[in-house]
Amino acid sequence: MNTDRDHVHIQIEIPPNVLISDVVRVLKSHSSLILKKRFKFIREMYIEKDGIWSVGYFSSTIGLDEERIKRYIAWQGKKDKPQKFRLF
């Protein structure tokens, strides 16, 4: 996982019997709760029931280019200002 100024890059493996939209929904809802608990300014910016993430997402399969994708994710944010954080 790595971040850029306005988005997050996450490489995860999802079993074929699990919907990508379900995984994204869970990631967004859980990370939203964790960030709201950790940072007061986020709690103050968003109404309790509202999430902090936008509605959309992008998903793609990796195939044989897994190492290239890992390098791309690791490189994100380095051209501007690195912004790394841990959710757990």
PDB file of N, CA and C in Angstrom:
ATOM      1  N   MET A   1       0.844  -1.174   0.000  1.00  0.00           N
ATOM      2  CA  MET A   1       0.000   0.000   0.000  1.00  0.00           C
ATOM      3  C   MET A   1       0.885   1.231   0.000  1.00  0.00           C
ATOM      4  N   ASN A   2       0.445   2.259  -0.704  1.00  0.00           N
ATOM      5  CA  ASN A   2       1.106   3.553  -0.695  1.00  0.00           C
ATOM      6  C   ASN A   2       0.071   4.602  -1.075  1.00  0.00           C
ATOM      7  N   THR A   3       0.371   5.841  -0.741  1.00  0.00           N
ATOM      8  CA  THR A   3      -0.574   6.912  -1.021  1.00  0.00           C
ATOM      9  C   THR A   3       0.037   7.939  -1.952  1.00  0.00           C
ATOM     10  N   ASP A   4      -0.822   8.684  -2.593  1.00  0.00           N
ATOM     11  CA  ASP A   4      -0.437   9.850  -3.362  1.00  0.00           C
ATOM     12  C   ASP A   4      -1.230  11.001  -2.756  1.00  0.00           C
ATOM     13  N   ARG A   5      -1.191  12.158  -3.362  1.00  0.00           N
ATOM     14  CA  ARG A   5      -1.852  13.321  -2.763  1.00  0.00           C
ATOM     15  C   ARG A   5      -3.356  13.133  -2.588  1.00  0.00           C
ATOM     16  N   ASP A   6      -4.001  12.451  -3.523  1.00  0.00           N
ATOM     17  CA  ASP A   6      -5.462  12.356  -3.450  1.00  0.00           C
ATOM     18  C   ASP A   6      -6.011  10.948  -3.647  1.00  0.00           C
ATOM     19  N   HIS A   7      -5.154   9.934  -3.532  1.00  0.00           N
ATOM     20  CA  HIS A   7      -5.650   8.570  -3.666  1.00  0.00           C
ATOM     21  C   HIS A   7      -4.679   7.583  -3.021  1.00  0.00           C
ATOM     22  N   VAL A   8      -5.163   6.350  -2.884  1.00  0.00           N
ATOM     23  CA  VAL A   8      -4.399   5.281  -2.253  1.00  0.00           C
ATOM     24  C   VAL A   8      -4.230   4.155  -3.258  1.00  0.00           C
ATOM     25  N   HIS A   9      -3.036   3.565  -3.282  1.00  0.00           N
ATOM     26  CA  HIS A   9      -2.779   2.389  -4.103  1.00  0.00           C
ATOM     27  C   HIS A   9      -2.629   1.196  -3.167  1.00  0.00           C
ATOM     28  N   ILE A  10      -3.396   0.140  -3.417  1.00  0.00           N
ATOM     29  CA  ILE A  10      -3.328  -1.067  -2.603  1.00  0.00           C
ATOM     30  C   ILE A  10      -3.264  -2.269  -3.532  1.00  0.00           C
ATOM     31  N   GLN A  11      -2.295  -3.127  -3.304  1.00  0.00           N
ATOM     32  CA  GLN A  11      -2.226  -4.378  -4.055  1.00  0.00           C
ATOM     33  C   GLN A  11      -2.661  -5.489  -3.117  1.00  0.00           C
ATOM     34  N   ILE A  12      -3.752  -6.151  -3.461  1.00  0.00           N
ATOM     35  CA  ILE A  12      -4.256  -7.248  -2.643  1.00  0.00           C
ATOM     36  C   ILE A  12      -4.660  -8.413  -3.532  1.00  0.00           C
ATOM     37  N   GLU A  13      -4.677  -9.586  -2.950  1.00  0.00           N
ATOM     38  CA  GLU A  13      -5.142 -10.770  -3.657  1.00  0.00           C
ATOM     39  C   GLU A  13      -6.517 -11.126  -3.121  1.00  0.00           C
ATOM     40  N   ILE A  14      -7.476 -11.219  -4.022  1.00  0.00           N
ATOM     41  CA  ILE A  14      -8.858 -11.506  -3.649  1.00  0.00           C
ATOM     42  C   ILE A  14      -9.251 -12.848  -4.268  1.00  0.00           C
ATOM     43  N   PRO A  15      -9.784 -13.766  -3.471  1.00  0.00           N
ATOM     44  CA  PRO A  15     -10.216 -15.053  -4.030  1.00  0.00           C
ATOM     45  C   PRO A  15     -11.284 -14.841  -5.102  1.00  0.00           C
ATOM     46  N   PRO A  16     -11.346 -15.721  -6.076  1.00  0.00           N
ATOM     47  CA  PRO A  16     -12.305 -15.553  -7.176  1.00  0.00           C
ATOM     48  C   PRO A  16     -13.770 -15.596  -6.751  1.00  0.00           C
ATOM     49  N   ASN A  17     -14.062 -16.163  -5.593  1.00  0.00           N
ATOM     50  CA  ASN A  17     -15.457 -16.253  -5.152  1.00  0.00           C
ATOM     51  C   ASN A  17     -15.901 -15.035  -4.337  1.00  0.00           C
ATOM     52  N   VAL A  18     -15.029 -14.023  -4.203  1.00  0.00           N
ATOM     53  CA  VAL A  18     -15.352 -12.814  -3.451  1.00  0.00           C
ATOM     54  C   VAL A  18     -15.456 -11.642  -4.427  1.00  0.00           C
ATOM     55  N   LEU A  19     -16.523 -10.871  -4.297  1.00  0.00           N
ATOM     56  CA  LEU A  19     -16.711  -9.721  -5.174  1.00  0.00           C
ATOM     57  C   LEU A  19     -15.746  -8.594  -4.819  1.00  0.00           C
ATOM     58  N   ILE A  20     -15.123  -8.010  -5.817  1.00  0.00           N
ATOM     59  CA  ILE A  20     -14.203  -6.894  -5.603  1.00  0.00           C
ATOM     60  C   ILE A  20     -14.929  -5.734  -4.934  1.00  0.00           C
ATOM     61  N   SER A  21     -16.146  -5.484  -5.345  1.00  0.00           N
ATOM     62  CA  SER A  21     -16.908  -4.375  -4.755  1.00  0.00           C
ATOM     63  C   SER A  21     -17.135  -4.585  -3.260  1.00  0.00           C
ATOM     64  N   ASP A  22     -17.316  -5.837  -2.832  1.00  0.00           N
ATOM     65  CA  ASP A  22     -17.470  -6.122  -1.400  1.00  0.00           C
ATOM     66  C   ASP A  22     -16.179  -5.834  -0.637  1.00  0.00           C
ATOM     67  N   VAL A  23     -15.061  -6.220  -1.208  1.00  0.00           N
ATOM     68  CA  VAL A  23     -13.764  -5.973  -0.572  1.00  0.00           C
ATOM     69  C   VAL A  23     -13.514  -4.468  -0.449  1.00  0.00           C
ATOM     70  N   VAL A  24     -13.778  -3.724  -1.519  1.00  0.00           N
ATOM     71  CA  VAL A  24     -13.582  -2.277  -1.492  1.00  0.00           C
ATOM     72  C   VAL A  24     -14.494  -1.638  -0.450  1.00  0.00           C
ATOM     73  N   ARG A  25     -15.732  -2.070  -0.387  1.00  0.00           N
ATOM     74  CA  ARG A  25     -16.684  -1.531   0.595  1.00  0.00           C
ATOM     75  C   ARG A  25     -16.177  -1.749   2.017  1.00  0.00           C
ATOM     76  N   VAL A  26     -15.711  -2.961   2.305  1.00  0.00           N
ATOM     77  CA  VAL A  26     -15.215  -3.269   3.649  1.00  0.00           C
ATOM     78  C   VAL A  26     -13.951  -2.459   3.961  1.00  0.00           C
ATOM     79  N   LEU A  27     -13.021  -2.393   3.006  1.00  0.00           N
ATOM     80  CA  LEU A  27     -11.794  -1.609   3.218  1.00  0.00           C
ATOM     81  C   LEU A  27     -12.114  -0.144   3.510  1.00  0.00           C
ATOM     82  N   LYS A  28     -13.007   0.420   2.717  1.00  0.00           N
ATOM     83  CA  LYS A  28     -13.351   1.825   2.902  1.00  0.00           C
ATOM     84  C   LYS A  28     -14.070   2.075   4.224  1.00  0.00           C
ATOM     85  N   SER A  29     -15.025   1.210   4.559  1.00  0.00           N
ATOM     86  CA  SER A  29     -15.780   1.451   5.794  1.00  0.00           C
ATOM     87  C   SER A  29     -14.910   1.253   7.028  1.00  0.00           C
ATOM     88  N   HIS A  30     -14.085   0.204   7.056  1.00  0.00           N
ATOM     89  CA  HIS A  30     -13.233  -0.042   8.225  1.00  0.00           C
ATOM     90  C   HIS A  30     -12.144   1.018   8.360  1.00  0.00           C
ATOM     91  N   SER A  31     -11.506   1.371   7.249  1.00  0.00           N
ATOM     92  CA  SER A  31     -10.445   2.386   7.333  1.00  0.00           C
ATOM     93  C   SER A  31     -11.028   3.752   7.699  1.00  0.00           C
ATOM     94  N   SER A  32     -12.235   4.042   7.243  1.00  0.00           N
ATOM     95  CA  SER A  32     -12.893   5.290   7.609  1.00  0.00           C
ATOM     96  C   SER A  32     -13.123   5.364   9.114  1.00  0.00           C
ATOM     97  N   LEU A  33     -13.611   4.271   9.689  1.00  0.00           N
ATOM     98  CA  LEU A  33     -13.834   4.220  11.139  1.00  0.00           C
ATOM     99  C   LEU A  33     -12.521   4.378  11.915  1.00  0.00           C
ATOM    100  N   ILE A  34     -11.496   3.678  11.474  1.00  0.00           N
ATOM    101  CA  ILE A  34     -10.192   3.749  12.153  1.00  0.00           C
ATOM    102  C   ILE A  34      -9.617   5.160  12.088  1.00  0.00           C
ATOM    103  N   LEU A  35      -9.672   5.781  10.911  1.00  0.00           N
ATOM    104  CA  LEU A  35      -9.131   7.136  10.768  1.00  0.00           C
ATOM    105  C   LEU A  35      -9.925   8.152  11.582  1.00  0.00           C
ATOM    106  N   LYS A  36     -11.245   7.981  11.636  1.00  0.00           N
ATOM    107  CA  LYS A  36     -12.071   8.891  12.447  1.00  0.00           C
ATOM    108  C   LYS A  36     -11.747   8.752  13.933  1.00  0.00           C
ATOM    109  N   LYS A  37     -11.496   7.521  14.389  1.00  0.00           N
ATOM    110  CA  LYS A  37     -11.142   7.317  15.792  1.00  0.00           C
ATOM    111  C   LYS A  37      -9.781   7.916  16.118  1.00  0.00           C
ATOM    112  N   ARG A  38      -8.856   7.815  15.178  1.00  0.00           N
ATOM    113  CA  ARG A  38      -7.478   8.242  15.424  1.00  0.00           C
ATOM    114  C   ARG A  38      -7.278   9.752  15.304  1.00  0.00           C
ATOM    115  N   PHE A  39      -8.010  10.398  14.398  1.00  0.00           N
ATOM    116  CA  PHE A  39      -7.776  11.812  14.105  1.00  0.00           C
ATOM    117  C   PHE A  39      -9.030  12.649  14.358  1.00  0.00           C
ATOM    118  N   LYS A  40      -8.938  13.531  15.312  1.00  0.00           N
ATOM    119  CA  LYS A  40     -10.068  14.387  15.681  1.00  0.00           C
ATOM    120  C   LYS A  40     -10.537  15.254  14.512  1.00  0.00           C
ATOM    121  N   PHE A  41      -9.586  15.813  13.744  1.00  0.00           N
ATOM    122  CA  PHE A  41      -9.979  16.704  12.652  1.00  0.00           C
ATOM    123  C   PHE A  41     -10.812  15.983  11.598  1.00  0.00           C
ATOM    124  N   ILE A  42     -10.584  14.688  11.420  1.00  0.00           N
ATOM    125  CA  ILE A  42     -11.396  13.915  10.468  1.00  0.00           C
ATOM    126  C   ILE A  42     -12.800  13.721  11.032  1.00  0.00           C
ATOM    127  N   ARG A  43     -12.895  13.418  12.319  1.00  0.00           N
ATOM    128  CA  ARG A  43     -14.218  13.289  12.956  1.00  0.00           C
ATOM    129  C   ARG A  43     -15.025  14.571  12.803  1.00  0.00           C
ATOM    130  N   GLU A  44     -14.359  15.708  12.928  1.00  0.00           N
ATOM    131  CA  GLU A  44     -15.045  16.993  12.853  1.00  0.00           C
ATOM    132  C   GLU A  44     -15.435  17.368  11.422  1.00  0.00           C
ATOM    133  N   MET A  45     -14.723  16.830  10.441  1.00  0.00           N
ATOM    134  CA  MET A  45     -14.986  17.166   9.035  1.00  0.00           C
ATOM    135  C   MET A  45     -16.149  16.386   8.435  1.00  0.00           C
ATOM    136  N   TYR A  46     -16.419  15.200   8.964  1.00  0.00           N
ATOM    137  CA  TYR A  46     -17.413  14.317   8.351  1.00  0.00           C
ATOM    138  C   TYR A  46     -18.511  13.968   9.341  1.00  0.00           C
ATOM    139  N   ILE A  47     -19.726  13.949   8.847  1.00  0.00           N
ATOM    140  CA  ILE A  47     -20.868  13.536   9.658  1.00  0.00           C
ATOM    141  C   ILE A  47     -20.693  12.063  10.003  1.00  0.00           C
ATOM    142  N   GLU A  48     -21.142  11.646  11.166  1.00  0.00           N
ATOM    143  CA  GLU A  48     -20.932  10.278  11.654  1.00  0.00           C
ATOM    144  C   GLU A  48     -21.199   9.195  10.618  1.00  0.00           C
ATOM    145  N   LYS A  49     -22.318   9.239   9.938  1.00  0.00           N
ATOM    146  CA  LYS A  49     -22.660   8.151   9.024  1.00  0.00           C
ATOM    147  C   LYS A  49     -21.949   8.247   7.678  1.00  0.00           C
ATOM    148  N   ASP A  50     -21.365   9.401   7.367  1.00  0.00           N
ATOM    149  CA  ASP A  50     -20.666   9.566   6.098  1.00  0.00           C
ATOM    150  C   ASP A  50     -19.259   8.990   6.168  1.00  0.00           C
ATOM    151  N   GLY A  51     -18.855   8.368   5.093  1.00  0.00           N
ATOM    152  CA  GLY A  51     -17.485   7.881   4.995  1.00  0.00           C
ATOM    153  C   GLY A  51     -16.567   8.979   4.500  1.00  0.00           C
ATOM    154  N   ILE A  52     -15.278   8.754   4.631  1.00  0.00           N
ATOM    155  CA  ILE A  52     -14.314   9.768   4.200  1.00  0.00           C
ATOM    156  C   ILE A  52     -13.837   9.534   2.772  1.00  0.00           C
ATOM    157  N   TRP A  53     -14.164   8.382   2.199  1.00  0.00           N
ATOM    158  CA  TRP A  53     -13.693   8.039   0.868  1.00  0.00           C
ATOM    159  C   TRP A  53     -14.723   8.387  -0.203  1.00  0.00           C
ATOM    160  N   SER A  54     -14.254   8.587  -1.418  1.00  0.00           N
ATOM    161  CA  SER A  54     -15.170   8.829  -2.535  1.00  0.00           C
ATOM    162  C   SER A  54     -15.887   7.524  -2.899  1.00  0.00           C
ATOM    163  N   VAL A  55     -16.909   7.637  -3.712  1.00  0.00           N
ATOM    164  CA  VAL A  55     -17.738   6.485  -4.061  1.00  0.00           C
ATOM    165  C   VAL A  55     -17.004   5.516  -4.986  1.00  0.00           C
ATOM    166  N   GLY A  56     -16.209   6.007  -5.906  1.00  0.00           N
ATOM    167  CA  GLY A  56     -15.615   5.161  -6.933  1.00  0.00           C
ATOM    168  C   GLY A  56     -14.335   4.462  -6.520  1.00  0.00           C
ATOM    169  N   TYR A  57     -13.885   3.559  -7.388  1.00  0.00           N
ATOM    170  CA  TYR A  57     -12.600   2.891  -7.227  1.00  0.00           C
ATOM    171  C   TYR A  57     -12.167   2.349  -8.576  1.00  0.00           C
ATOM    172  N   PHE A  58     -10.874   2.024  -8.690  1.00  0.00           N
ATOM    173  CA  PHE A  58     -10.339   1.407  -9.894  1.00  0.00           C
ATOM    174  C   PHE A  58      -9.761   0.060  -9.514  1.00  0.00           C
ATOM    175  N   SER A  59     -10.003  -0.932 -10.324  1.00  0.00           N
ATOM    176  CA  SER A  59      -9.492  -2.269 -10.074  1.00  0.00           C
ATOM    177  C   SER A  59      -8.925  -2.833 -11.366  1.00  0.00           C
ATOM    178  N   SER A  60      -7.845  -3.572 -11.242  1.00  0.00           N
ATOM    179  CA  SER A  60      -7.248  -4.195 -12.409  1.00  0.00           C
ATOM    180  C   SER A  60      -6.577  -5.492 -11.996  1.00  0.00           C
ATOM    181  N   THR A  61      -6.485  -6.438 -12.918  1.00  0.00           N
ATOM    182  CA  THR A  61      -5.763  -7.671 -12.629  1.00  0.00           C
ATOM    183  C   THR A  61      -4.289  -7.471 -12.968  1.00  0.00           C
ATOM    184  N   ILE A  62      -3.448  -8.233 -12.332  1.00  0.00           N
ATOM    185  CA  ILE A  62      -2.003  -8.064 -12.513  1.00  0.00           C
ATOM    186  C   ILE A  62      -1.435  -9.040 -13.511  1.00  0.00           C
ATOM    187  N   GLY A  63      -1.770 -10.294 -13.406  1.00  0.00           N
ATOM    188  CA  GLY A  63      -1.208 -11.288 -14.310  1.00  0.00           C
ATOM    189  C   GLY A  63       0.293 -11.454 -14.094  1.00  0.00           C
ATOM    190  N   LEU A  64       1.060 -11.408 -15.164  1.00  0.00           N
ATOM    191  CA  LEU A  64       2.499 -11.655 -15.090  1.00  0.00           C
ATOM    192  C   LEU A  64       3.308 -10.432 -14.676  1.00  0.00           C
ATOM    193  N   ASP A  65       2.697  -9.275 -14.543  1.00  0.00           N
ATOM    194  CA  ASP A  65       3.426  -8.046 -14.230  1.00  0.00           C
ATOM    195  C   ASP A  65       3.385  -7.678 -12.750  1.00  0.00           C
ATOM    196  N   GLU A  66       3.299  -8.646 -11.857  1.00  0.00           N
ATOM    197  CA  GLU A  66       3.148  -8.350 -10.433  1.00  0.00           C
ATOM    198  C   GLU A  66       4.310  -7.529  -9.881  1.00  0.00           C
ATOM    199  N   GLU A  67       5.539  -7.862 -10.223  1.00  0.00           N
ATOM    200  CA  GLU A  67       6.692  -7.107  -9.716  1.00  0.00           C
ATOM    201  C   GLU A  67       6.677  -5.658 -10.208  1.00  0.00           C
ATOM    202  N   ARG A  68       6.282  -5.453 -11.445  1.00  0.00           N
ATOM    203  CA  ARG A  68       6.198  -4.095 -11.995  1.00  0.00           C
ATOM    204  C   ARG A  68       5.148  -3.272 -11.253  1.00  0.00           C
ATOM    205  N   ILE A  69       4.018  -3.883 -10.953  1.00  0.00           N
ATOM    206  CA  ILE A  69       2.956  -3.198 -10.215  1.00  0.00           C
ATOM    207  C   ILE A  69       3.434  -2.861  -8.800  1.00  0.00           C
ATOM    208  N   LYS A  70       4.131  -3.785  -8.143  1.00  0.00           N
ATOM    209  CA  LYS A  70       4.667  -3.518  -6.805  1.00  0.00           C
ATOM    210  C   LYS A  70       5.605  -2.315  -6.826  1.00  0.00           C
ATOM    211  N   ARG A  71       6.477  -2.240  -7.820  1.00  0.00           N
ATOM    212  CA  ARG A  71       7.403  -1.097  -7.942  1.00  0.00           C
ATOM    213  C   ARG A  71       6.639   0.196  -8.192  1.00  0.00           C
ATOM    214  N   TYR A  72       5.607   0.145  -9.032  1.00  0.00           N
ATOM    215  CA  TYR A  72       4.793   1.322  -9.315  1.00  0.00           C
ATOM    216  C   TYR A  72       4.130   1.844  -8.040  1.00  0.00           C
ATOM    217  N   ILE A  73       3.557   0.934  -7.254  1.00  0.00           N
ATOM    218  CA  ILE A  73       2.903   1.341  -6.012  1.00  0.00           C
ATOM    219  C   ILE A  73       3.917   1.928  -5.040  1.00  0.00           C
ATOM    220  N   ALA A  74       5.077   1.301  -4.923  1.00  0.00           N
ATOM    221  CA  ALA A  74       6.113   1.799  -4.014  1.00  0.00           C
ATOM    222  C   ALA A  74       6.595   3.192  -4.432  1.00  0.00           C
ATOM    223  N   TRP A  75       6.572   3.486  -5.712  1.00  0.00           N
ATOM    224  CA  TRP A  75       7.057   4.766  -6.234  1.00  0.00           C
ATOM    225  C   TRP A  75       6.051   5.904  -6.032  1.00  0.00           C
ATOM    226  N   GLN A  76       4.780   5.592  -5.843  1.00  0.00           N
ATOM    227  CA  GLN A  76       3.747   6.622  -5.739  1.00  0.00           C
ATOM    228  C   GLN A  76       4.032   7.584  -4.594  1.00  0.00           C
ATOM    229  N   GLY A  77       3.845   8.850  -4.857  1.00  0.00           N
ATOM    230  CA  GLY A  77       4.023   9.890  -3.857  1.00  0.00           C
ATOM    231  C   GLY A  77       5.447  10.372  -3.715  1.00  0.00           C
ATOM    232  N   LYS A  78       6.409   9.665  -4.269  1.00  0.00           N
ATOM    233  CA  LYS A  78       7.810  10.051  -4.113  1.00  0.00           C
ATOM    234  C   LYS A  78       8.186  11.247  -4.971  1.00  0.00           C
ATOM    235  N   LYS A  79       7.477  11.457  -6.072  1.00  0.00           N
ATOM    236  CA  LYS A  79       7.805  12.606  -6.914  1.00  0.00           C
ATOM    237  C   LYS A  79       7.383  13.914  -6.256  1.00  0.00           C
ATOM    238  N   ASP A  80       6.385  13.873  -5.379  1.00  0.00           N
ATOM    239  CA  ASP A  80       5.957  15.061  -4.648  1.00  0.00           C
ATOM    240  C   ASP A  80       6.459  14.951  -3.214  1.00  0.00           C
ATOM    241  N   LYS A  81       5.628  14.489  -2.349  1.00  0.00           N
ATOM    242  CA  LYS A  81       5.967  14.350  -0.936  1.00  0.00           C
ATOM    243  C   LYS A  81       5.486  12.983  -0.463  1.00  0.00           C
ATOM    244  N   PRO A  82       6.389  12.124   0.015  1.00  0.00           N
ATOM    245  CA  PRO A  82       5.952  10.802   0.479  1.00  0.00           C
ATOM    246  C   PRO A  82       4.935  10.923   1.608  1.00  0.00           C
ATOM    247  N   GLN A  83       3.868  10.136   1.512  1.00  0.00           N
ATOM    248  CA  GLN A  83       2.812  10.162   2.513  1.00  0.00           C
ATOM    249  C   GLN A  83       2.445   8.717   2.842  1.00  0.00           C
ATOM    250  N   LYS A  84       3.116   8.144   3.823  1.00  0.00           N
ATOM    251  CA  LYS A  84       2.826   6.765   4.210  1.00  0.00           C
ATOM    252  C   LYS A  84       2.136   6.763   5.560  1.00  0.00           C
ATOM    253  N   PHE A  85       1.223   5.826   5.754  1.00  0.00           N
ATOM    254  CA  PHE A  85       0.554   5.689   7.037  1.00  0.00           C
ATOM    255  C   PHE A  85       0.178   4.231   7.245  1.00  0.00           C
ATOM    256  N   ARG A  86      -0.032   3.875   8.483  1.00  0.00           N
ATOM    257  CA  ARG A  86      -0.459   2.516   8.818  1.00  0.00           C
ATOM    258  C   ARG A  86      -1.879   2.581   9.368  1.00  0.00           C
ATOM    259  N   LEU A  87      -2.724   1.683   8.897  1.00  0.00           N
ATOM    260  CA  LEU A  87      -4.108   1.639   9.392  1.00  0.00           C
ATOM    261  C   LEU A  87      -4.221   0.757  10.626  1.00  0.00           C
ATOM    262  N   PHE A  88      -3.382  -0.230  10.725  1.00  0.00           N
ATOM    263  CA  PHE A  88      -3.512  -1.187  11.840  1.00  0.00           C
ATOM    264  C   PHE A  88      -2.251  -1.236  12.649  1.00  0.00           C
TER     265      PHE A  88
END
